[in-house]
Amino acid sequence: MSSGTGKLVCVTGASGYIASWLVKLLLQRGYTVNATVRDPRSANGSVCKPLSVHGYDPKKVEHLRSLDGAKERLHLFPANLLEEGSFDAAVEGCEGVFHTASPFYHDVKDPQVELLDPAVKGTVNVLNACAKASSIKRVVLTSSMAAVSYNGKPLTPEVVVDESWFSDPHFCRESKMWYVLSKTLAEEAAWKFVTEKGMDMVTINPAMVIGPLLQPTLNTSAAAIAKLFNGAESYYNMTFGWVNVKDVATAHILALEVPSASGRYCLVETVAHYSVIVKTLKELYPNATLPEKCADDNPLRPQYEVSKTKTRGLGIDYIPLKTSLKETVESLKEKRFISI
């Protein structure tokens, strides 16, 4: 990897799980980072100067401010996904933009308002800001395996999912998979936009992201592990890809720095059923109380494969699942989200 010394980049949604790690690694590599955080004060574009120490809820940004290099090279900007023009100031003069901001949660009352609009309109808003800034050489979009794997084809052991797969919005809508739909539509809108504008974009499509938390709040994917220690009586009958947050952040940086990087990158270290996750956690923490049974009596969802060829070509050397699980649990313990 080359050094980022003297280079300016922007990270949207910087206080989030993946983005916090991305900011940390960028600062480590010498980059100056314009980081956007949701503006709690207004949604009318009246504020677009960097936030002062007193201008933002310190709890949400303290973990960013305390990073090595943050004092000298981290600038916080208020921005709202649904507010046109609110990202203009943050991307101005940058040579790379990482768009990670997008809501991720499951308990949704109004999918359009809570997930679809912020994901799709927010992505187009950020890309619009990038289109105005002639300094930008490449945009790296945080997409998801959610935008890859859900097309109605059964995921069985002989199936190998790769970057050529796209989730089917009709299938997602009919199945009421609102988060999956939000990521699918957002990535679709992004490719359409950059193709029309002739912009250079790379997408990173991680599976279930685990590993240590930098931010003070419990994010959705780490919460899935915390739940297993916090009295869950059963585990889901689900099979997912899993990947370490540090690998995801590194992949974003490589996607900017490697000139030949292009298209999409599926980031999955291991595909594993929840039963395998619980079994591994029992090996790591034999005294912990973990669920013994599956949530239903159906056959366990089968394993499938996700191709690593393209991400290996980018230079990703994956952290193994067992290490990622241990790092997640130790971090959850340290932050008091679980007690074992």
C-alpha atoms as a PDB file:
ATOM      1  CA  MET A   1       0.000   0.000   0.000  1.00  0.00           C
ATOM      2  CA  SER A   2       1.225   3.478  -0.776  1.00  0.00           C
ATOM      3  CA  SER A   3       1.311   6.228   1.828  1.00  0.00           C
ATOM      4  CA  GLY A   4      -1.542   8.703   2.134  1.00  0.00           C
ATOM      5  CA  THR A   5       0.677  11.551   3.321  1.00  0.00           C
ATOM      6  CA  GLY A   6      -0.508  14.850   1.913  1.00  0.00           C
ATOM      7  CA  LYS A   7      -3.678  13.344   0.438  1.00  0.00           C
ATOM      8  CA  LEU A   8      -7.207  14.453   1.368  1.00  0.00           C
ATOM      9  CA  VAL A   9     -10.110  11.979   1.421  1.00  0.00           C
ATOM     10  CA  CYS A  10     -13.698  12.051   2.691  1.00  0.00           C
ATOM     11  CA  VAL A  11     -15.516   9.374   4.712  1.00  0.00           C
ATOM     12  CA  THR A  12     -19.314   9.691   5.038  1.00  0.00           C
ATOM     13  CA  GLY A  13     -21.153   8.334   8.074  1.00  0.00           C
ATOM     14  CA  ALA A  14     -17.808   8.404   9.876  1.00  0.00           C
ATOM     15  CA  SER A  15     -19.055   7.507  13.353  1.00  0.00           C
ATOM     16  CA  GLY A  16     -20.382   4.119  12.170  1.00  0.00           C
ATOM     17  CA  TYR A  17     -18.808   0.690  12.721  1.00  0.00           C
ATOM     18  CA  ILE A  18     -16.968   0.157   9.414  1.00  0.00           C
ATOM     19  CA  ALA A  19     -16.353   3.881   8.873  1.00  0.00           C
ATOM     20  CA  SER A  20     -14.676   4.347  12.282  1.00  0.00           C
ATOM     21  CA  TRP A  21     -12.149   1.662  11.391  1.00  0.00           C
ATOM     22  CA  LEU A  22     -11.705   3.189   7.966  1.00  0.00           C
ATOM     23  CA  VAL A  23     -10.951   6.601   9.514  1.00  0.00           C
ATOM     24  CA  LYS A  24      -8.491   4.980  11.966  1.00  0.00           C
ATOM     25  CA  LEU A  25      -6.565   3.165   9.202  1.00  0.00           C
ATOM     26  CA  LEU A  26      -6.572   6.199   6.888  1.00  0.00           C
ATOM     27  CA  LEU A  27      -5.112   8.398   9.643  1.00  0.00           C
ATOM     28  CA  GLN A  28      -2.511   5.698  10.373  1.00  0.00           C
ATOM     29  CA  ARG A  29      -1.468   5.824   6.721  1.00  0.00           C
ATOM     30  CA  GLY A  30      -1.014   9.592   6.794  1.00  0.00           C
ATOM     31  CA  TYR A  31      -4.214  10.731   5.047  1.00  0.00           C
ATOM     32  CA  THR A  32      -6.068  13.887   6.018  1.00  0.00           C
ATOM     33  CA  VAL A  33      -9.720  12.915   6.481  1.00  0.00           C
ATOM     34  CA  ASN A  34     -12.883  14.968   6.072  1.00  0.00           C
ATOM     35  CA  ALA A  35     -15.405  12.923   8.041  1.00  0.00           C
ATOM     36  CA  THR A  36     -19.133  13.549   7.810  1.00  0.00           C
ATOM     37  CA  VAL A  37     -21.415  12.922  10.751  1.00  0.00           C
ATOM     38  CA  ARG A  38     -25.139  13.426  10.914  1.00  0.00           C
ATOM     39  CA  ASP A  39     -25.937  17.049  11.719  1.00  0.00           C
ATOM     40  CA  PRO A  40     -28.193  17.090  14.785  1.00  0.00           C
ATOM     41  CA  ARG A  41     -28.976  20.781  14.484  1.00  0.00           C
ATOM     42  CA  SER A  42     -30.644  21.435  11.168  1.00  0.00           C
ATOM     43  CA  ALA A  43     -31.701  19.814   7.936  1.00  0.00           C
ATOM     44  CA  ASN A  44     -31.833  22.967   5.863  1.00  0.00           C
ATOM     45  CA  GLY A  45     -28.191  23.247   4.838  1.00  0.00           C
ATOM     46  CA  SER A  46     -27.529  26.264   7.013  1.00  0.00           C
ATOM     47  CA  VAL A  47     -24.425  24.685   8.538  1.00  0.00           C
ATOM     48  CA  CYS A  48     -21.650  23.456   6.281  1.00  0.00           C
ATOM     49  CA  LYS A  49     -18.462  24.442   8.001  1.00  0.00           C
ATOM     50  CA  PRO A  50     -16.357  21.902   9.947  1.00  0.00           C
ATOM     51  CA  LEU A  51     -17.825  21.152  13.361  1.00  0.00           C
ATOM     52  CA  SER A  52     -16.187  22.699  16.394  1.00  0.00           C
ATOM     53  CA  VAL A  53     -15.557  20.592  19.476  1.00  0.00           C
ATOM     54  CA  HIS A  54     -18.723  22.082  20.975  1.00  0.00           C
ATOM     55  CA  GLY A  55     -20.884  21.722  17.876  1.00  0.00           C
ATOM     56  CA  TYR A  56     -21.627  18.035  18.149  1.00  0.00           C
ATOM     57  CA  ASP A  57     -22.616  15.370  20.649  1.00  0.00           C
ATOM     58  CA  PRO A  58     -19.139  14.467  21.970  1.00  0.00           C
ATOM     59  CA  LYS A  59     -20.184  10.892  22.765  1.00  0.00           C
ATOM     60  CA  LYS A  60     -20.772  10.201  19.070  1.00  0.00           C
ATOM     61  CA  VAL A  61     -17.418  11.521  17.897  1.00  0.00           C
ATOM     62  CA  GLU A  62     -15.117  11.131  20.891  1.00  0.00           C
ATOM     63  CA  HIS A  63     -13.789   7.788  19.610  1.00  0.00           C
ATOM     64  CA  LEU A  64     -12.828   9.493  16.334  1.00  0.00           C
ATOM     65  CA  ARG A  65     -11.248  12.519  18.012  1.00  0.00           C
ATOM     66  CA  SER A  66      -9.094  10.241  20.175  1.00  0.00           C
ATOM     67  CA  LEU A  67      -7.561   8.375  17.202  1.00  0.00           C
ATOM     68  CA  ASP A  68      -3.857   8.813  16.493  1.00  0.00           C
ATOM     69  CA  GLY A  69      -3.432  11.700  14.057  1.00  0.00           C
ATOM     70  CA  ALA A  70      -7.000  12.973  14.521  1.00  0.00           C
ATOM     71  CA  LYS A  71      -5.955  16.209  16.168  1.00  0.00           C
ATOM     72  CA  GLU A  72      -3.927  17.260  13.146  1.00  0.00           C
ATOM     73  CA  ARG A  73      -5.648  15.530  10.232  1.00  0.00           C
ATOM     74  CA  LEU A  74      -9.315  14.794  11.021  1.00  0.00           C
ATOM     75  CA  HIS A  75     -11.984  17.363  10.149  1.00  0.00           C
ATOM     76  CA  LEU A  76     -15.621  16.708  11.079  1.00  0.00           C
ATOM     77  CA  PHE A  77     -18.401  17.995   8.829  1.00  0.00           C
ATOM     78  CA  PRO A  78     -22.149  17.919   9.518  1.00  0.00           C
ATOM     79  CA  ALA A  79     -24.190  16.327   6.705  1.00  0.00           C
ATOM     80  CA  ASN A  80     -27.581  14.711   6.206  1.00  0.00           C
ATOM     81  CA  LEU A  81     -28.202  11.965   3.654  1.00  0.00           C
ATOM     82  CA  LEU A  82     -31.510  13.473   2.551  1.00  0.00           C
ATOM     83  CA  GLU A  83     -30.276  17.055   2.299  1.00  0.00           C
ATOM     84  CA  GLU A  84     -29.104  18.080  -1.153  1.00  0.00           C
ATOM     85  CA  GLY A  85     -25.772  19.856  -1.138  1.00  0.00           C
ATOM     86  CA  SER A  86     -24.912  18.934   2.455  1.00  0.00           C
ATOM     87  CA  PHE A  87     -21.893  16.857   1.351  1.00  0.00           C
ATOM     88  CA  ASP A  88     -20.448  19.504  -1.025  1.00  0.00           C
ATOM     89  CA  ALA A  89     -18.120  21.122   1.529  1.00  0.00           C
ATOM     90  CA  ALA A  90     -16.829  17.781   2.839  1.00  0.00           C
ATOM     91  CA  VAL A  91     -15.831  16.371  -0.581  1.00  0.00           C
ATOM     92  CA  GLU A  92     -14.347  19.585  -1.953  1.00  0.00           C
ATOM     93  CA  GLY A  93     -10.642  19.153  -2.746  1.00  0.00           C
ATOM     94  CA  CYS A  94     -10.650  15.418  -1.948  1.00  0.00           C
ATOM     95  CA  GLU A  95      -9.087  12.877  -4.277  1.00  0.00           C
ATOM     96  CA  GLY A  96     -11.047   9.941  -2.884  1.00  0.00           C
ATOM     97  CA  VAL A  97     -14.478   9.633  -1.277  1.00  0.00           C
ATOM     98  CA  PHE A  98     -15.655   6.648   0.779  1.00  0.00           C
ATOM     99  CA  HIS A  99     -19.443   6.577   1.029  1.00  0.00           C
ATOM    100  CA  THR A 100     -20.291   4.321   3.964  1.00  0.00           C
ATOM    101  CA  ALA A 101     -23.322   6.145   5.423  1.00  0.00           C
ATOM    102  CA  SER A 102     -26.473   4.029   5.175  1.00  0.00           C
ATOM    103  CA  PRO A 103     -28.908   2.827   7.846  1.00  0.00           C
ATOM    104  CA  PHE A 104     -28.738  -0.844   8.909  1.00  0.00           C
ATOM    105  CA  TYR A 105     -31.330  -2.256  11.292  1.00  0.00           C
ATOM    106  CA  HIS A 106     -34.047  -4.878  11.251  1.00  0.00           C
ATOM    107  CA  ASP A 107     -36.930  -3.542  13.330  1.00  0.00           C
ATOM    108  CA  VAL A 108     -38.417  -1.347  10.607  1.00  0.00           C
ATOM    109  CA  LYS A 109     -41.836   0.339  10.811  1.00  0.00           C
ATOM    110  CA  ASP A 110     -41.707   2.342   7.569  1.00  0.00           C
ATOM    111  CA  PRO A 111     -39.150   0.831   5.144  1.00  0.00           C
ATOM    112  CA  GLN A 112     -39.404   3.694   2.643  1.00  0.00           C
ATOM    113  CA  VAL A 113     -38.653   6.426   5.168  1.00  0.00           C
ATOM    114  CA  GLU A 114     -36.271   4.508   7.459  1.00  0.00           C
ATOM    115  CA  LEU A 115     -34.199   2.525   4.967  1.00  0.00           C
ATOM    116  CA  LEU A 116     -34.933   3.026   1.278  1.00  0.00           C
ATOM    117  CA  ASP A 117     -34.863   6.836   1.030  1.00  0.00           C
ATOM    118  CA  PRO A 118     -31.683   7.356   3.104  1.00  0.00           C
ATOM    119  CA  ALA A 119     -29.882   4.537   1.249  1.00  0.00           C
ATOM    120  CA  VAL A 120     -30.876   5.442  -2.313  1.00  0.00           C
ATOM    121  CA  LYS A 121     -31.359   9.228  -2.193  1.00  0.00           C
ATOM    122  CA  GLY A 122     -28.404   9.553   0.185  1.00  0.00           C
ATOM    123  CA  THR A 123     -26.118   7.706  -2.235  1.00  0.00           C
ATOM    124  CA  VAL A 124     -27.229   9.874  -5.164  1.00  0.00           C
ATOM    125  CA  ASN A 125     -26.756  13.007  -3.012  1.00  0.00           C
ATOM    126  CA  VAL A 126     -23.182  12.061  -2.165  1.00  0.00           C
ATOM    127  CA  LEU A 127     -22.412  11.136  -5.793  1.00  0.00           C
ATOM    128  CA  ASN A 128     -23.879  14.467  -6.919  1.00  0.00           C
ATOM    129  CA  ALA A 129     -21.463  16.245  -4.587  1.00  0.00           C
ATOM    130  CA  CYS A 130     -18.601  14.132  -5.984  1.00  0.00           C
ATOM    131  CA  ALA A 131     -19.595  14.934  -9.581  1.00  0.00           C
ATOM    132  CA  LYS A 132     -19.118  18.648  -8.816  1.00  0.00           C
ATOM    133  CA  ALA A 133     -15.609  18.163  -7.361  1.00  0.00           C
ATOM    134  CA  SER A 134     -13.050  17.858 -10.155  1.00  0.00           C
ATOM    135  CA  SER A 135     -10.349  16.757  -7.669  1.00  0.00           C
ATOM    136  CA  ILE A 136     -12.012  13.369  -7.046  1.00  0.00           C
ATOM    137  CA  LYS A 137     -10.301  10.488  -8.794  1.00  0.00           C
ATOM    138  CA  ARG A 138     -12.349   7.597  -7.409  1.00  0.00           C
ATOM    139  CA  VAL A 139     -15.383   6.923  -5.213  1.00  0.00           C
ATOM    140  CA  VAL A 140     -15.475   3.793  -3.051  1.00  0.00           C
ATOM    141  CA  LEU A 141     -19.024   2.784  -2.117  1.00  0.00           C
ATOM    142  CA  THR A 142     -19.790   0.546   0.853  1.00  0.00           C
ATOM    143  CA  SER A 143     -22.373  -1.816  -0.545  1.00  0.00           C
ATOM    144  CA  SER A 144     -23.140  -5.256   0.890  1.00  0.00           C
ATOM    145  CA  MET A 145     -23.500  -8.944   0.068  1.00  0.00           C
ATOM    146  CA  ALA A 146     -27.172  -8.043   0.530  1.00  0.00           C
ATOM    147  CA  ALA A 147     -26.948  -6.461  -2.950  1.00  0.00           C
ATOM    148  CA  VAL A 148     -25.385  -9.636  -4.375  1.00  0.00           C
ATOM    149  CA  SER A 149     -26.886 -12.894  -3.085  1.00  0.00           C
ATOM    150  CA  TYR A 150     -30.666 -12.481  -3.078  1.00  0.00           C
ATOM    151  CA  ASN A 151     -31.980 -13.261  -6.535  1.00  0.00           C
ATOM    152  CA  GLY A 152     -34.232 -16.211  -5.744  1.00  0.00           C
ATOM    153  CA  LYS A 153     -31.612 -18.822  -6.703  1.00  0.00           C
ATOM    154  CA  PRO A 154     -31.242 -21.402  -3.915  1.00  0.00           C
ATOM    155  CA  LEU A 155     -27.942 -21.074  -2.048  1.00  0.00           C
ATOM    156  CA  THR A 156     -26.699 -24.675  -1.849  1.00  0.00           C
ATOM    157  CA  PRO A 157     -23.247 -26.287  -1.321  1.00  0.00           C
ATOM    158  CA  GLU A 158     -22.444 -26.479  -5.040  1.00  0.00           C
ATOM    159  CA  VAL A 159     -23.213 -22.771  -5.598  1.00  0.00           C
ATOM    160  CA  VAL A 160     -20.369 -20.247  -5.811  1.00  0.00           C
ATOM    161  CA  VAL A 161     -21.566 -16.651  -5.485  1.00  0.00           C
ATOM    162  CA  ASP A 162     -19.340 -14.052  -7.129  1.00  0.00           C
ATOM    163  CA  GLU A 163     -19.262 -10.393  -8.185  1.00  0.00           C
ATOM    164  CA  SER A 164     -21.413 -11.063 -11.251  1.00  0.00           C
ATOM    165  CA  TRP A 165     -24.451 -11.792  -9.053  1.00  0.00           C
ATOM    166  CA  PHE A 166     -26.996  -9.051  -8.341  1.00  0.00           C
ATOM    167  CA  SER A 167     -29.908  -9.248  -5.916  1.00  0.00           C
ATOM    168  CA  ASP A 168     -33.336  -8.952  -7.544  1.00  0.00           C
ATOM    169  CA  PRO A 169     -35.362  -5.976  -6.201  1.00  0.00           C
ATOM    170  CA  HIS A 170     -38.698  -7.709  -7.004  1.00  0.00           C
ATOM    171  CA  PHE A 171     -37.663 -10.803  -5.064  1.00  0.00           C
ATOM    172  CA  CYS A 172     -36.491  -8.642  -2.125  1.00  0.00           C
ATOM    173  CA  ARG A 173     -39.710  -6.623  -2.088  1.00  0.00           C
ATOM    174  CA  GLU A 174     -41.929  -9.710  -2.227  1.00  0.00           C
ATOM    175  CA  SER A 175     -39.882 -11.299   0.574  1.00  0.00           C
ATOM    176  CA  LYS A 176     -40.098  -8.053   2.621  1.00  0.00           C
ATOM    177  CA  MET A 177     -36.295  -7.984   2.979  1.00  0.00           C
ATOM    178  CA  TRP A 178     -36.165  -4.220   3.389  1.00  0.00           C
ATOM    179  CA  TYR A 179     -32.495  -3.797   4.323  1.00  0.00           C
ATOM    180  CA  VAL A 180     -31.482  -6.063   1.431  1.00  0.00           C
ATOM    181  CA  LEU A 181     -33.699  -4.045  -0.891  1.00  0.00           C
ATOM    182  CA  SER A 182     -32.197  -0.753   0.334  1.00  0.00           C
ATOM    183  CA  LYS A 183     -28.633  -1.892  -0.426  1.00  0.00           C
ATOM    184  CA  THR A 184     -29.658  -3.389  -3.778  1.00  0.00           C
ATOM    185  CA  LEU A 185     -31.438  -0.238  -4.972  1.00  0.00           C
ATOM    186  CA  ALA A 186     -28.662   2.032  -3.650  1.00  0.00           C
ATOM    187  CA  GLU A 187     -25.946   0.136  -5.522  1.00  0.00           C
ATOM    188  CA  GLU A 188     -28.096   0.005  -8.667  1.00  0.00           C
ATOM    189  CA  ALA A 189     -28.660   3.780  -8.512  1.00  0.00           C
ATOM    190  CA  ALA A 190     -24.944   4.355  -7.933  1.00  0.00           C
ATOM    191  CA  TRP A 191     -23.815   2.347 -10.977  1.00  0.00           C
ATOM    192  CA  LYS A 192     -26.396   4.116 -13.142  1.00  0.00           C
ATOM    193  CA  PHE A 193     -25.203   7.535 -11.904  1.00  0.00           C
ATOM    194  CA  VAL A 194     -21.457   6.972 -12.332  1.00  0.00           C
ATOM    195  CA  THR A 195     -21.933   5.358 -15.754  1.00  0.00           C
ATOM    196  CA  GLU A 196     -23.888   8.386 -16.981  1.00  0.00           C
ATOM    197  CA  LYS A 197     -21.340  10.834 -15.498  1.00  0.00           C
ATOM    198  CA  GLY A 198     -18.239   8.863 -16.495  1.00  0.00           C
ATOM    199  CA  MET A 199     -17.017   8.636 -12.872  1.00  0.00           C
ATOM    200  CA  ASP A 200     -14.660   5.986 -11.456  1.00  0.00           C
ATOM    201  CA  MET A 201     -16.343   3.941  -8.694  1.00  0.00           C
ATOM    202  CA  VAL A 202     -15.506   0.709  -6.885  1.00  0.00           C
ATOM    203  CA  THR A 203     -17.944  -1.061  -4.532  1.00  0.00           C
ATOM    204  CA  ILE A 204     -17.042  -3.137  -1.484  1.00  0.00           C
ATOM    205  CA  ASN A 205     -19.695  -5.768  -0.705  1.00  0.00           C
ATOM    206  CA  PRO A 206     -19.048  -7.219   2.762  1.00  0.00           C
ATOM    207  CA  ALA A 207     -21.120  -9.978   4.361  1.00  0.00           C
ATOM    208  CA  MET A 208     -21.899  -9.981   8.110  1.00  0.00           C
ATOM    209  CA  VAL A 209     -19.199  -7.728   9.581  1.00  0.00           C
ATOM    210  CA  ILE A 210     -17.763  -8.633  12.998  1.00  0.00           C
ATOM    211  CA  GLY A 211     -14.617  -7.786  14.966  1.00  0.00           C
ATOM    212  CA  PRO A 212     -13.707  -5.109  17.509  1.00  0.00           C
ATOM    213  CA  LEU A 213     -15.859  -2.000  17.979  1.00  0.00           C
ATOM    214  CA  LEU A 214     -14.355   1.478  18.089  1.00  0.00           C
ATOM    215  CA  GLN A 215     -17.658   3.343  18.438  1.00  0.00           C
ATOM    216  CA  PRO A 216     -19.474   3.507  21.825  1.00  0.00           C
ATOM    217  CA  THR A 217     -22.805   2.221  20.498  1.00  0.00           C
ATOM    218  CA  LEU A 218     -23.783  -1.352  19.647  1.00  0.00           C
ATOM    219  CA  ASN A 219     -24.124  -1.792  15.884  1.00  0.00           C
ATOM    220  CA  THR A 220     -26.489  -4.324  14.287  1.00  0.00           C
ATOM    221  CA  SER A 221     -23.977  -7.001  13.252  1.00  0.00           C
ATOM    222  CA  ALA A 222     -22.078  -6.995  16.578  1.00  0.00           C
ATOM    223  CA  ALA A 223     -25.463  -7.055  18.354  1.00  0.00           C
ATOM    224  CA  ALA A 224     -26.157 -10.411  16.652  1.00  0.00           C
ATOM    225  CA  ILE A 225     -23.177 -11.877  18.560  1.00  0.00           C
ATOM    226  CA  ALA A 226     -24.011 -10.037  21.801  1.00  0.00           C
ATOM    227  CA  LYS A 227     -27.529 -11.477  21.701  1.00  0.00           C
ATOM    228  CA  LEU A 228     -26.166 -15.037  21.853  1.00  0.00           C
ATOM    229  CA  PHE A 229     -24.547 -14.230  25.229  1.00  0.00           C
ATOM    230  CA  ASN A 230     -27.449 -12.187  26.579  1.00  0.00           C
ATOM    231  CA  GLY A 231     -29.979 -14.913  27.223  1.00  0.00           C
ATOM    232  CA  ALA A 232     -31.060 -15.904  23.696  1.00  0.00           C
ATOM    233  CA  GLU A 233     -32.887 -19.237  23.973  1.00  0.00           C
ATOM    234  CA  SER A 234     -32.164 -20.236  20.397  1.00  0.00           C
ATOM    235  CA  TYR A 235     -30.070 -19.243  17.394  1.00  0.00           C
ATOM    236  CA  TYR A 236     -31.348 -18.337  13.928  1.00  0.00           C
ATOM    237  CA  ASN A 237     -31.646 -20.956  11.226  1.00  0.00           C
ATOM    238  CA  MET A 238     -29.551 -18.816   8.896  1.00  0.00           C
ATOM    239  CA  THR A 239     -26.327 -19.145   6.971  1.00  0.00           C
ATOM    240  CA  PHE A 240     -24.295 -16.014   6.278  1.00  0.00           C
ATOM    241  CA  GLY A 241     -20.917 -14.935   5.061  1.00  0.00           C
ATOM    242  CA  TRP A 242     -18.767 -13.457   7.855  1.00  0.00           C
ATOM    243  CA  VAL A 243     -15.838 -11.031   7.622  1.00  0.00           C
ATOM    244  CA  ASN A 244     -13.663  -8.982   9.998  1.00  0.00           C
ATOM    245  CA  VAL A 245     -14.264  -5.216  10.125  1.00  0.00           C
ATOM    246  CA  LYS A 246     -10.506  -4.559   9.806  1.00  0.00           C
ATOM    247  CA  ASP A 247     -10.408  -6.502   6.524  1.00  0.00           C
ATOM    248  CA  VAL A 248     -13.415  -4.504   5.296  1.00  0.00           C
ATOM    249  CA  ALA A 249     -11.744  -1.183   6.127  1.00  0.00           C
ATOM    250  CA  THR A 250      -8.478  -2.322   4.503  1.00  0.00           C
ATOM    251  CA  ALA A 251     -10.370  -3.384   1.358  1.00  0.00           C
ATOM    252  CA  HIS A 252     -11.847   0.116   1.077  1.00  0.00           C
ATOM    253  CA  ILE A 253      -8.375   1.682   1.198  1.00  0.00           C
ATOM    254  CA  LEU A 254      -6.954  -0.806  -1.323  1.00  0.00           C
ATOM    255  CA  ALA A 255      -9.920  -0.074  -3.600  1.00  0.00           C
ATOM    256  CA  LEU A 256      -8.809   3.563  -3.630  1.00  0.00           C
ATOM    257  CA  GLU A 257      -5.061   2.982  -3.803  1.00  0.00           C
ATOM    258  CA  VAL A 258      -4.726   0.097  -6.272  1.00  0.00           C
ATOM    259  CA  PRO A 259      -5.005   1.676  -9.741  1.00  0.00           C
ATOM    260  CA  SER A 260      -6.371  -1.517 -11.357  1.00  0.00           C
ATOM    261  CA  ALA A 261      -9.189  -1.917  -8.779  1.00  0.00           C
ATOM    262  CA  SER A 262     -12.555  -1.885 -10.533  1.00  0.00           C
ATOM    263  CA  GLY A 263     -16.153  -3.017 -10.251  1.00  0.00           C
ATOM    264  CA  ARG A 264     -17.340  -4.875  -7.173  1.00  0.00           C
ATOM    265  CA  TYR A 265     -15.580  -6.883  -4.448  1.00  0.00           C
ATOM    266  CA  CYS A 266     -17.429  -9.554  -2.421  1.00  0.00           C
ATOM    267  CA  LEU A 267     -15.871  -9.619   1.041  1.00  0.00           C
ATOM    268  CA  VAL A 268     -16.466 -12.950   2.779  1.00  0.00           C
ATOM    269  CA  GLU A 269     -13.912 -14.881   4.826  1.00  0.00           C
ATOM    270  CA  THR A 270     -16.191 -17.820   5.691  1.00  0.00           C
ATOM    271  CA  VAL A 271     -19.777 -18.802   5.000  1.00  0.00           C
ATOM    272  CA  ALA A 272     -21.156 -20.372   8.182  1.00  0.00           C
ATOM    273  CA  HIS A 273     -24.503 -21.306   9.725  1.00  0.00           C
ATOM    274  CA  TYR A 274     -25.367 -19.779  13.105  1.00  0.00           C
ATOM    275  CA  SER A 275     -24.916 -23.256  14.636  1.00  0.00           C
ATOM    276  CA  VAL A 276     -21.226 -23.120  13.611  1.00  0.00           C
ATOM    277  CA  ILE A 277     -20.915 -19.648  15.163  1.00  0.00           C
ATOM    278  CA  VAL A 278     -22.382 -20.924  18.457  1.00  0.00           C
ATOM    279  CA  LYS A 279     -20.159 -24.037  18.390  1.00  0.00           C
ATOM    280  CA  THR A 280     -17.041 -21.886  17.826  1.00  0.00           C
ATOM    281  CA  LEU A 281     -18.057 -19.482  20.621  1.00  0.00           C
ATOM    282  CA  LYS A 282     -18.504 -22.488  22.978  1.00  0.00           C
ATOM    283  CA  GLU A 283     -14.972 -23.628  22.146  1.00  0.00           C
ATOM    284  CA  LEU A 284     -13.655 -20.126  22.867  1.00  0.00           C
ATOM    285  CA  TYR A 285     -15.793 -19.524  25.981  1.00  0.00           C
ATOM    286  CA  PRO A 286     -16.671 -22.917  27.525  1.00  0.00           C
ATOM    287  CA  ASN A 287     -18.207 -21.319  30.653  1.00  0.00           C
ATOM    288  CA  ALA A 288     -20.535 -18.979  28.771  1.00  0.00           C
ATOM    289  CA  THR A 289     -24.255 -19.683  28.588  1.00  0.00           C
ATOM    290  CA  LEU A 290     -25.092 -19.908  24.896  1.00  0.00           C
ATOM    291  CA  PRO A 291     -28.258 -21.121  23.126  1.00  0.00           C
ATOM    292  CA  GLU A 292     -28.416 -24.892  22.585  1.00  0.00           C
ATOM    293  CA  LYS A 293     -31.114 -25.114  19.951  1.00  0.00           C
ATOM    294  CA  CYS A 294     -32.115 -23.703  16.594  1.00  0.00           C
ATOM    295  CA  ALA A 295     -35.065 -21.302  16.350  1.00  0.00           C
ATOM    296  CA  ASP A 296     -37.056 -23.749  14.193  1.00  0.00           C
ATOM    297  CA  ASP A 297     -37.177 -27.463  13.380  1.00  0.00           C
ATOM    298  CA  ASN A 298     -36.551 -27.053   9.659  1.00  0.00           C
ATOM    299  CA  PRO A 299     -33.400 -28.517   8.115  1.00  0.00           C
ATOM    300  CA  LEU A 300     -30.429 -26.213   8.701  1.00  0.00           C
ATOM    301  CA  ARG A 301     -29.901 -23.711   5.907  1.00  0.00           C
ATOM    302  CA  PRO A 302     -27.135 -25.122   3.706  1.00  0.00           C
ATOM    303  CA  GLN A 303     -23.646 -23.769   3.311  1.00  0.00           C
ATOM    304  CA  TYR A 304     -22.639 -22.191  -0.006  1.00  0.00           C
ATOM    305  CA  GLU A 305     -19.473 -20.561  -1.278  1.00  0.00           C
ATOM    306  CA  VAL A 306     -18.467 -17.022  -2.122  1.00  0.00           C
ATOM    307  CA  SER A 307     -15.553 -16.599  -4.506  1.00  0.00           C
ATOM    308  CA  LYS A 308     -12.416 -15.021  -2.970  1.00  0.00           C
ATOM    309  CA  THR A 309     -10.566 -14.688  -6.288  1.00  0.00           C
ATOM    310  CA  LYS A 310     -11.242 -11.008  -6.861  1.00  0.00           C
ATOM    311  CA  THR A 311     -10.588  -9.805  -3.287  1.00  0.00           C
ATOM    312  CA  ARG A 312      -7.369 -11.860  -3.092  1.00  0.00           C
ATOM    313  CA  GLY A 313      -6.312 -10.059  -6.283  1.00  0.00           C
ATOM    314  CA  LEU A 314      -6.892  -6.779  -4.450  1.00  0.00           C
ATOM    315  CA  GLY A 315      -4.496  -7.928  -1.706  1.00  0.00           C
ATOM    316  CA  ILE A 316      -6.825  -9.015   1.095  1.00  0.00           C
ATOM    317  CA  ASP A 317      -5.447 -11.719   3.391  1.00  0.00           C
ATOM    318  CA  TYR A 318      -8.487 -12.610   5.496  1.00  0.00           C
ATOM    319  CA  ILE A 319      -8.524 -12.783   9.303  1.00  0.00           C
ATOM    320  CA  PRO A 320      -9.977 -16.237  10.220  1.00  0.00           C
ATOM    321  CA  LEU A 321     -13.537 -16.484  11.588  1.00  0.00           C
ATOM    322  CA  LYS A 322     -12.442 -17.835  14.991  1.00  0.00           C
ATOM    323  CA  THR A 323     -10.106 -14.851  15.514  1.00  0.00           C
ATOM    324  CA  SER A 324     -12.857 -12.442  14.398  1.00  0.00           C
ATOM    325  CA  LEU A 325     -15.344 -13.973  16.854  1.00  0.00           C
ATOM    326  CA  LYS A 326     -12.845 -13.757  19.731  1.00  0.00           C
ATOM    327  CA  GLU A 327     -12.076 -10.116  18.896  1.00  0.00           C
ATOM    328  CA  THR A 328     -15.802  -9.323  18.767  1.00  0.00           C
ATOM    329  CA  VAL A 329     -16.547 -10.932  22.137  1.00  0.00           C
ATOM    330  CA  GLU A 330     -13.535  -9.349  23.870  1.00  0.00           C
ATOM    331  CA  SER A 331     -14.615  -5.951  22.543  1.00  0.00           C
ATOM    332  CA  LEU A 332     -18.244  -6.510  23.634  1.00  0.00           C
ATOM    333  CA  LYS A 333     -16.984  -7.458  27.115  1.00  0.00           C
ATOM    334  CA  GLU A 334     -14.704  -4.421  27.327  1.00  0.00           C
ATOM    335  CA  LYS A 335     -17.566  -2.109  26.328  1.00  0.00           C
ATOM    336  CA  ARG A 336     -19.915  -3.892  28.754  1.00  0.00           C
ATOM    337  CA  PHE A 337     -22.441  -4.997  26.159  1.00  0.00           C
ATOM    338  CA  ILE A 338     -22.053  -8.528  27.525  1.00  0.00           C
ATOM    339  CA  SER A 339     -20.674 -10.078  30.723  1.00  0.00           C
ATOM    340  CA  ILE A 340     -19.290 -13.606  30.725  1.00  0.00           C
END
